[in-house]
Amino acid sequence: MKKIIRNSIGAILLTGTLLTTNIVLAQDTVVTTGPITSVGTISEFSPHAILLKTETGTEPVSYSYSKTTTYVDEAGNPVSMTTIKSGLPVTVYYTRSGDTMTASKVIVRKAVVVPAAVEEQKTTTTTTETK
């Protein structure tokens, strides 16, 4: 009888340990649901990733993209991938799976044009009379 109780307790402890291990291991994977947005300026657009300089970060953030990633302007009109280049202000909608951030949609915003400084010129006219 003591042997059966001891084996039963051992089996219960082993089962509890295995369940706890599975729960702890499952916590290592982070998957978000739904898109997240990031706003910034493209610092590099390569065949594999978009590097985005955000307004809050000091280093560019890398987003991968795929054939299903859409590129649109602010009105929602499609934009050709060939127009995407460094310096463009964009909003990136992405999903995160672990350390990988994958862009699902990129909205290209209008670039803010800073007017050039206008140099003011003054002309002085001097009239002299001779007698």
N, C-alpha and C. Protein backbone atom coordinates (compact mmCIF):
# COMPACT_ATOMS: atom_id res chain seq x y z
N MET A 1 0.81 -1.19 0.00
CA MET A 1 0.00 0.00 0.00
C MET A 1 0.87 1.27 0.00
N LYS A 2 1.95 1.24 0.83
CA LYS A 2 2.83 2.39 0.88
C LYS A 2 3.50 2.62 -0.47
N LYS A 3 3.81 1.54 -1.17
CA LYS A 3 4.47 1.65 -2.47
C LYS A 3 3.53 2.29 -3.48
N ILE A 4 2.26 1.95 -3.45
CA ILE A 4 1.27 2.53 -4.38
C ILE A 4 1.12 4.02 -4.10
N ILE A 5 1.04 4.39 -2.84
CA ILE A 5 0.90 5.81 -2.48
C ILE A 5 2.15 6.58 -2.91
N ARG A 6 3.32 6.01 -2.66
CA ARG A 6 4.57 6.67 -3.04
C ARG A 6 4.65 6.84 -4.56
N ASN A 7 4.28 5.82 -5.33
CA ASN A 7 4.29 5.91 -6.80
C ASN A 7 3.27 6.92 -7.29
N SER A 8 2.13 6.98 -6.64
CA SER A 8 1.09 7.94 -7.04
C SER A 8 1.56 9.36 -6.79
N ILE A 9 2.17 9.60 -5.64
CA ILE A 9 2.68 10.94 -5.33
C ILE A 9 3.78 11.31 -6.32
N GLY A 10 4.64 10.37 -6.64
CA GLY A 10 5.70 10.63 -7.62
C GLY A 10 5.12 10.97 -8.98
N ALA A 11 4.08 10.27 -9.40
CA ALA A 11 3.45 10.54 -10.70
C ALA A 11 2.80 11.92 -10.71
N ILE A 12 2.16 12.28 -9.60
CA ILE A 12 1.50 13.59 -9.50
C ILE A 12 2.55 14.71 -9.55
N LEU A 13 3.65 14.55 -8.82
CA LEU A 13 4.72 15.55 -8.85
C LEU A 13 5.35 15.68 -10.23
N LEU A 14 5.57 14.58 -10.91
CA LEU A 14 6.14 14.59 -12.25
C LEU A 14 5.19 15.29 -13.22
N THR A 15 3.91 14.99 -13.15
CA THR A 15 2.92 15.63 -14.02
C THR A 15 2.88 17.14 -13.76
N GLY A 16 2.90 17.53 -12.49
CA GLY A 16 2.91 18.96 -12.15
C GLY A 16 4.15 19.66 -12.67
N THR A 17 5.29 19.01 -12.57
CA THR A 17 6.54 19.59 -13.08
C THR A 17 6.49 19.76 -14.59
N LEU A 18 5.99 18.77 -15.30
CA LEU A 18 5.90 18.85 -16.76
C LEU A 18 4.93 19.95 -17.19
N LEU A 19 3.81 20.06 -16.52
CA LEU A 19 2.84 21.11 -16.85
C LEU A 19 3.43 22.49 -16.60
N THR A 20 4.11 22.66 -15.48
CA THR A 20 4.73 23.94 -15.16
C THR A 20 5.80 24.30 -16.18
N THR A 21 6.60 23.33 -16.60
CA THR A 21 7.63 23.57 -17.61
C THR A 21 7.00 24.03 -18.91
N ASN A 22 5.92 23.40 -19.34
CA ASN A 22 5.25 23.80 -20.58
C ASN A 22 4.69 25.21 -20.48
N ILE A 23 4.16 25.57 -19.34
CA ILE A 23 3.62 26.91 -19.16
C ILE A 23 4.74 27.94 -19.21
N VAL A 24 5.85 27.69 -18.54
CA VAL A 24 6.98 28.62 -18.53
C VAL A 24 7.56 28.76 -19.93
N LEU A 25 7.72 27.67 -20.67
CA LEU A 25 8.26 27.73 -22.03
C LEU A 25 7.33 28.48 -22.96
N ALA A 26 6.04 28.36 -22.77
CA ALA A 26 5.08 29.04 -23.63
C ALA A 26 5.15 30.55 -23.46
N GLN A 27 5.65 31.04 -22.36
CA GLN A 27 5.73 32.47 -22.13
C GLN A 27 6.84 33.14 -22.91
N ASP A 28 7.78 32.40 -23.49
CA ASP A 28 8.89 32.97 -24.23
C ASP A 28 8.47 33.55 -25.57
N THR A 29 7.37 33.10 -26.16
CA THR A 29 6.94 33.56 -27.46
C THR A 29 5.95 34.71 -27.30
N VAL A 30 6.28 35.85 -27.94
CA VAL A 30 5.40 37.01 -27.88
C VAL A 30 4.79 37.21 -29.25
N VAL A 31 3.48 37.14 -29.34
CA VAL A 31 2.77 37.37 -30.59
C VAL A 31 1.69 38.40 -30.31
N THR A 32 1.70 39.49 -31.07
CA THR A 32 0.66 40.48 -30.90
C THR A 32 -0.44 40.24 -31.92
N THR A 33 -1.64 40.63 -31.56
CA THR A 33 -2.75 40.48 -32.49
C THR A 33 -3.10 41.85 -33.02
N GLY A 34 -3.37 41.93 -34.29
CA GLY A 34 -3.72 43.20 -34.91
C GLY A 34 -2.50 44.05 -35.21
N PRO A 35 -2.66 44.98 -36.14
CA PRO A 35 -1.52 45.82 -36.52
C PRO A 35 -1.20 46.89 -35.48
N ILE A 36 0.07 47.24 -35.43
CA ILE A 36 0.59 48.32 -34.60
C ILE A 36 1.12 49.36 -35.58
N THR A 37 1.13 50.62 -35.21
CA THR A 37 1.64 51.64 -36.13
C THR A 37 2.90 52.28 -35.60
N SER A 38 3.70 52.74 -36.54
CA SER A 38 4.91 53.48 -36.22
C SER A 38 5.03 54.60 -37.25
N VAL A 39 5.37 55.80 -36.78
CA VAL A 39 5.47 56.96 -37.66
C VAL A 39 6.92 57.42 -37.71
N GLY A 40 7.39 57.74 -38.91
CA GLY A 40 8.75 58.23 -39.04
C GLY A 40 9.12 58.50 -40.48
N THR A 41 10.42 58.54 -40.72
CA THR A 41 10.96 58.81 -42.05
C THR A 41 11.83 57.63 -42.47
N ILE A 42 11.67 57.21 -43.71
CA ILE A 42 12.46 56.09 -44.22
C ILE A 42 13.92 56.52 -44.29
N SER A 43 14.79 55.75 -43.63
CA SER A 43 16.21 56.05 -43.73
C SER A 43 16.87 55.13 -44.75
N GLU A 44 16.26 53.96 -45.01
CA GLU A 44 16.77 53.05 -46.03
C GLU A 44 15.65 52.11 -46.45
N PHE A 45 15.56 51.85 -47.75
CA PHE A 45 14.59 50.91 -48.29
C PHE A 45 15.36 49.88 -49.10
N SER A 46 15.52 48.69 -48.54
CA SER A 46 16.30 47.65 -49.20
C SER A 46 15.37 46.56 -49.71
N PRO A 47 15.88 45.60 -50.48
CA PRO A 47 15.04 44.51 -50.98
C PRO A 47 14.45 43.63 -49.88
N HIS A 48 14.95 43.76 -48.66
CA HIS A 48 14.47 42.88 -47.59
C HIS A 48 13.82 43.62 -46.43
N ALA A 49 14.08 44.92 -46.29
CA ALA A 49 13.59 45.62 -45.11
C ALA A 49 13.43 47.11 -45.35
N ILE A 50 12.61 47.70 -44.49
CA ILE A 50 12.45 49.15 -44.44
C ILE A 50 13.08 49.59 -43.12
N LEU A 51 14.05 50.50 -43.19
CA LEU A 51 14.61 51.07 -41.97
C LEU A 51 13.94 52.40 -41.75
N LEU A 52 13.32 52.54 -40.59
CA LEU A 52 12.52 53.72 -40.30
C LEU A 52 13.13 54.49 -39.13
N LYS A 53 13.40 55.76 -39.34
CA LYS A 53 13.86 56.64 -38.27
C LYS A 53 12.61 57.24 -37.66
N THR A 54 12.30 56.80 -36.43
CA THR A 54 11.09 57.29 -35.77
C THR A 54 11.36 58.62 -35.10
N GLU A 55 10.28 59.31 -34.75
CA GLU A 55 10.41 60.61 -34.11
C GLU A 55 10.91 60.48 -32.68
N THR A 56 10.70 59.31 -32.06
CA THR A 56 11.07 59.14 -30.66
C THR A 56 12.36 58.36 -30.47
N GLY A 57 12.76 57.55 -31.44
CA GLY A 57 13.94 56.70 -31.29
C GLY A 57 15.21 57.37 -31.79
N THR A 58 16.33 56.85 -31.31
CA THR A 58 17.62 57.39 -31.76
C THR A 58 18.20 56.56 -32.90
N GLU A 59 17.85 55.28 -32.96
CA GLU A 59 18.35 54.38 -34.00
C GLU A 59 17.20 53.97 -34.92
N PRO A 60 17.47 53.77 -36.23
CA PRO A 60 16.42 53.29 -37.13
C PRO A 60 15.91 51.92 -36.71
N VAL A 61 14.62 51.68 -36.97
CA VAL A 61 13.98 50.41 -36.65
C VAL A 61 13.74 49.67 -37.96
N SER A 62 14.01 48.37 -37.97
CA SER A 62 13.88 47.56 -39.19
C SER A 62 12.54 46.84 -39.23
N TYR A 63 11.86 46.95 -40.37
CA TYR A 63 10.60 46.25 -40.60
C TYR A 63 10.78 45.41 -41.87
N SER A 64 10.47 44.13 -41.78
CA SER A 64 10.49 43.32 -42.99
C SER A 64 9.18 43.56 -43.73
N TYR A 65 9.15 43.21 -45.00
CA TYR A 65 7.91 43.33 -45.77
C TYR A 65 7.82 42.14 -46.71
N SER A 66 6.63 41.95 -47.29
CA SER A 66 6.42 40.80 -48.16
C SER A 66 5.64 41.24 -49.40
N LYS A 67 5.30 40.28 -50.22
CA LYS A 67 4.51 40.57 -51.43
C LYS A 67 3.11 41.05 -51.10
N THR A 68 2.64 40.77 -49.89
CA THR A 68 1.29 41.20 -49.50
C THR A 68 1.28 42.57 -48.82
N THR A 69 2.44 43.16 -48.60
CA THR A 69 2.50 44.50 -48.01
C THR A 69 1.95 45.49 -49.02
N THR A 70 1.04 46.37 -48.58
CA THR A 70 0.46 47.37 -49.47
C THR A 70 1.08 48.73 -49.21
N TYR A 71 1.19 49.52 -50.27
CA TYR A 71 1.75 50.86 -50.20
C TYR A 71 0.70 51.82 -50.74
N VAL A 72 0.29 52.79 -49.93
CA VAL A 72 -0.77 53.72 -50.32
C VAL A 72 -0.38 55.14 -49.91
N ASP A 73 -1.07 56.12 -50.52
CA ASP A 73 -0.87 57.50 -50.09
C ASP A 73 -1.88 57.80 -48.98
N GLU A 74 -1.91 59.03 -48.52
CA GLU A 74 -2.79 59.40 -47.41
C GLU A 74 -4.27 59.23 -47.73
N ALA A 75 -4.62 59.30 -49.01
CA ALA A 75 -6.02 59.13 -49.42
C ALA A 75 -6.38 57.67 -49.62
N GLY A 76 -5.41 56.77 -49.49
CA GLY A 76 -5.68 55.34 -49.67
C GLY A 76 -5.45 54.84 -51.08
N ASN A 77 -4.95 55.71 -51.96
CA ASN A 77 -4.66 55.31 -53.34
C ASN A 77 -3.35 54.53 -53.39
N PRO A 78 -3.30 53.46 -54.19
CA PRO A 78 -2.08 52.66 -54.29
C PRO A 78 -0.89 53.50 -54.76
N VAL A 79 0.27 53.20 -54.20
CA VAL A 79 1.53 53.86 -54.56
C VAL A 79 2.48 52.76 -55.03
N SER A 80 3.19 53.02 -56.11
CA SER A 80 4.16 52.05 -56.61
C SER A 80 5.33 51.91 -55.64
N MET A 81 5.78 50.67 -55.48
CA MET A 81 6.93 50.41 -54.62
C MET A 81 8.17 51.14 -55.11
N THR A 82 8.23 51.44 -56.39
CA THR A 82 9.41 52.11 -56.94
C THR A 82 9.52 53.55 -56.46
N THR A 83 8.42 54.12 -55.94
CA THR A 83 8.48 55.49 -55.45
C THR A 83 8.94 55.57 -53.99
N ILE A 84 9.03 54.42 -53.33
CA ILE A 84 9.46 54.39 -51.94
C ILE A 84 10.97 54.60 -51.90
N LYS A 85 11.41 55.60 -51.14
CA LYS A 85 12.84 55.90 -51.07
C LYS A 85 13.17 56.57 -49.74
N SER A 86 14.44 56.72 -49.49
CA SER A 86 14.89 57.38 -48.26
C SER A 86 14.37 58.80 -48.21
N GLY A 87 14.04 59.23 -47.00
CA GLY A 87 13.59 60.60 -46.80
C GLY A 87 12.10 60.78 -46.80
N LEU A 88 11.34 59.76 -47.22
CA LEU A 88 9.88 59.88 -47.26
C LEU A 88 9.29 59.69 -45.87
N PRO A 89 8.37 60.58 -45.47
CA PRO A 89 7.66 60.36 -44.21
C PRO A 89 6.57 59.30 -44.43
N VAL A 90 6.49 58.33 -43.53
CA VAL A 90 5.53 57.24 -43.68
C VAL A 90 4.94 56.85 -42.32
N THR A 91 3.83 56.14 -42.41
CA THR A 91 3.25 55.45 -41.26
C THR A 91 3.28 53.97 -41.63
N VAL A 92 3.87 53.15 -40.78
CA VAL A 92 3.98 51.71 -41.05
C VAL A 92 3.03 50.97 -40.11
N TYR A 93 2.13 50.18 -40.69
CA TYR A 93 1.29 49.27 -39.92
C TYR A 93 2.00 47.93 -39.95
N TYR A 94 2.25 47.35 -38.78
CA TYR A 94 3.01 46.11 -38.74
C TYR A 94 2.48 45.19 -37.66
N THR A 95 2.88 43.93 -37.78
CA THR A 95 2.59 42.94 -36.75
C THR A 95 3.92 42.45 -36.21
N ARG A 96 3.91 42.05 -34.96
CA ARG A 96 5.13 41.58 -34.31
C ARG A 96 4.96 40.11 -33.97
N SER A 97 5.97 39.34 -34.30
CA SER A 97 6.03 37.93 -33.91
C SER A 97 7.43 37.70 -33.36
N GLY A 98 7.54 37.64 -32.04
CA GLY A 98 8.86 37.54 -31.42
C GLY A 98 9.63 38.82 -31.67
N ASP A 99 10.82 38.71 -32.25
CA ASP A 99 11.64 39.88 -32.55
C ASP A 99 11.39 40.43 -33.96
N THR A 100 10.56 39.77 -34.74
CA THR A 100 10.33 40.17 -36.12
C THR A 100 9.11 41.08 -36.24
N MET A 101 9.31 42.24 -36.90
CA MET A 101 8.21 43.16 -37.17
C MET A 101 8.01 43.17 -38.69
N THR A 102 6.80 42.80 -39.12
CA THR A 102 6.51 42.69 -40.54
C THR A 102 5.46 43.73 -40.93
N ALA A 103 5.81 44.58 -41.90
CA ALA A 103 4.90 45.62 -42.36
C ALA A 103 3.77 45.01 -43.18
N SER A 104 2.55 45.39 -42.83
CA SER A 104 1.40 44.95 -43.62
C SER A 104 0.92 46.06 -44.53
N LYS A 105 1.09 47.33 -44.09
CA LYS A 105 0.70 48.47 -44.91
C LYS A 105 1.63 49.64 -44.62
N VAL A 106 2.00 50.36 -45.67
CA VAL A 106 2.85 51.54 -45.54
C VAL A 106 2.09 52.71 -46.16
N ILE A 107 1.81 53.72 -45.35
CA ILE A 107 1.14 54.92 -45.86
C ILE A 107 2.20 55.99 -46.07
N VAL A 108 2.34 56.41 -47.32
CA VAL A 108 3.31 57.45 -47.67
C VAL A 108 2.63 58.80 -47.46
N ARG A 109 3.21 59.61 -46.57
CA ARG A 109 2.66 60.93 -46.29
C ARG A 109 3.35 61.97 -47.15
N LYS A 110 2.71 63.11 -47.28
CA LYS A 110 3.32 64.20 -48.04
C LYS A 110 4.52 64.73 -47.29
N ALA A 111 5.58 64.95 -48.04
CA ALA A 111 6.80 65.50 -47.45
C ALA A 111 6.53 66.94 -47.05
N VAL A 112 7.00 67.32 -45.90
CA VAL A 112 6.87 68.70 -45.45
C VAL A 112 7.97 69.51 -46.10
N VAL A 113 7.56 70.51 -46.86
CA VAL A 113 8.53 71.36 -47.56
C VAL A 113 8.76 72.61 -46.72
N VAL A 114 10.00 72.82 -46.35
CA VAL A 114 10.36 74.01 -45.59
C VAL A 114 10.74 75.09 -46.59
N PRO A 115 10.05 76.23 -46.55
CA PRO A 115 10.36 77.27 -47.52
C PRO A 115 11.78 77.80 -47.32
N ALA A 116 12.41 78.11 -48.44
CA ALA A 116 13.77 78.65 -48.39
C ALA A 116 13.73 80.05 -47.79
N ALA A 117 14.79 80.41 -47.13
CA ALA A 117 14.87 81.74 -46.54
C ALA A 117 14.89 82.78 -47.65
N VAL A 118 14.10 83.83 -47.47
CA VAL A 118 14.06 84.91 -48.46
C VAL A 118 15.00 86.01 -47.98
N GLU A 119 15.91 86.37 -48.86
CA GLU A 119 16.86 87.42 -48.52
C GLU A 119 16.29 88.75 -48.97
N GLU A 120 16.21 89.66 -48.04
CA GLU A 120 15.63 90.96 -48.36
C GLU A 120 16.75 91.90 -48.80
N GLN A 121 16.50 92.59 -49.92
CA GLN A 121 17.48 93.55 -50.42
C GLN A 121 16.88 94.94 -50.34
N LYS A 122 17.70 95.87 -49.88
CA LYS A 122 17.26 97.27 -49.81
C LYS A 122 18.09 98.06 -50.80
N THR A 123 17.41 98.95 -51.48
CA THR A 123 18.09 99.82 -52.43
C THR A 123 17.99 101.26 -51.92
N THR A 124 19.08 101.93 -51.88
CA THR A 124 19.09 103.33 -51.43
C THR A 124 19.48 104.20 -52.60
N THR A 125 18.70 105.24 -52.80
CA THR A 125 18.99 106.17 -53.90
C THR A 125 19.37 107.52 -53.28
N THR A 126 20.46 108.07 -53.72
CA THR A 126 20.92 109.34 -53.22
C THR A 126 20.91 110.34 -54.38
N THR A 127 20.31 111.48 -54.12
CA THR A 127 20.23 112.53 -55.15
C THR A 127 21.07 113.71 -54.66
N THR A 128 21.92 114.16 -55.52
CA THR A 128 22.73 115.34 -55.17
C THR A 128 22.45 116.45 -56.18
N GLU A 129 22.41 117.66 -55.66
CA GLU A 129 22.19 118.82 -56.53
C GLU A 129 23.46 119.65 -56.56
N THR A 130 23.81 120.10 -57.71
CA THR A 130 24.97 120.96 -57.84
C THR A 130 24.52 122.37 -58.21
N LYS A 131 25.12 123.42 -57.64
CA LYS A 131 24.78 124.82 -57.94
C LYS A 131 25.89 125.54 -58.56
